[in-house]
Amino acid sequence: MKKRNKCLAGMAAVALGMLSASSVVLAAGDTIKVGTFLSVTGPASFLGDPELKTLQMYIEDINAKGGIDGKQVELVHYDTGGNAKKAVNFAKRLIKRDKVDVIVGGSTSGSTLASMPEIEKSGVPFISLAGSVKIVDPVSPWTFKTPHTDRMAASKVYLDMQARGITKVALISGDGGFGKSGRAQSLALAPDFGITIVADESYGRKDTDMTAQVTNIRASDAQAILNFGFGSGPAIVTKNIRQLGIELPLYQSHGVASKKYIELAGDAAEGVRLPAAALLVADKLDDSDKQKAVLVAFKSAYEAKYGPVSTFGGHAYDGLHIALEAIDRANSTDKTAVRDQIEATKDFVGTGGIFTMSKDDHLGLGLDAFRMLEIRNGDWTLVN
């Protein structure tokens, strides 16, 4: 790619300064405007906080290196606090008032799905950072995403269960957009893997104890437990399971692919398995792995400034660079041209995998982009 070195070369290898304002303020001139709405505060802050830090960090570095085709990149950000209604209003503001060229954001499935109708109507290219498969299936012309889907997560978990001879599973899920979608995918896919769901429980975002639901699971003949959710809920479920003396294999979704989950769950997280991006085990990958160099560079840069890396910041890295490389290839900020170039993304090596999109695939990742991890001694390990 003709300008790719401007975007990527050495980005993660240098010390980068974080911007304190929520919007990157640039001198007047011709700029590329990247809009974003993220859950930086509130119950989904563990998603939005690393996403915003990642966008700020790399945009500052890209601008220091001369920008894209000589244009500086301007970030316009709004904090939704995890509120889907605010997300819709901010999406409208980004489109109508701020007149952004592309949107990279939407920390949660709920805020993304709520905002999509307005964004699709406006014809602004949108790369979501949320997990639900509904974001890209069916394909919407202007919407793309970088995180692996809940359908992929359920499939990866079920494949691992198959290898362990597990056929009866208890399902528990959060009642938010991500949890509901993950539950639906888990229920739909189970028969394909010879799995019977023998318990089906749920919990609310504000619930602080799931003992009743876990007790129901204990009364079933489940051979393993799968929890679909994010935030503090999965950690509470994990603790309650261990407190009740349940020793069944416990699986979580990629919604907990952050060190924060291990901190919240403590010793109860020992042995938990989940599908996640390779970023969490970057230093454990073979040197021949095509992603390793990108993963190690991002991890080093992020952790030098902010502490433990999460896959959520990685999703923002992928979304930003896919968008900017599309603008670079289009040699324009014309929205249709940029949309077409995002759709033409091929063999982009990101933190979530190697992306190849098409008119029928606005994610561009296969199941092999997921790694099955197990928590051992408070850290991530690869399941062979």
Foldseek 3Di string as FASTA:
>chain_A
DVCLCLQDPCLLVDAFDADPDQKDDDDDDDAAEEEEEEQCAAQLVVQRVLQSRLVRRRLRSSVVSQHFPNHRYIYHYHHPNPDLVVLQVSLCCCCPPVNHLAYEYDREPSNLVSNVVVCLVSLHAYEYLYAAPVQVVPHRLRYFYAAHHLLLFLVVVLVVCVVVVFAEEEEEEEPDPFRVRNLVSNVVCNVVSNHDYFHYYYDYPPDQADLVRLVVVVPTPGQEYEYEYAGLVVLRVLQSCVVVVNDHAYEYELNHQFLVSCVSNPPSQAFYKGKYACLQVLVVDDPPDPQNVVSVSNQSNCCVPPNGDGCSNQRSVVSVSLQSVLCSVLVHSPSVSSSVSSQQQAQCRGRQGGAGHHSRHSHRDDSVSIFMWGAHPSGTDGDD
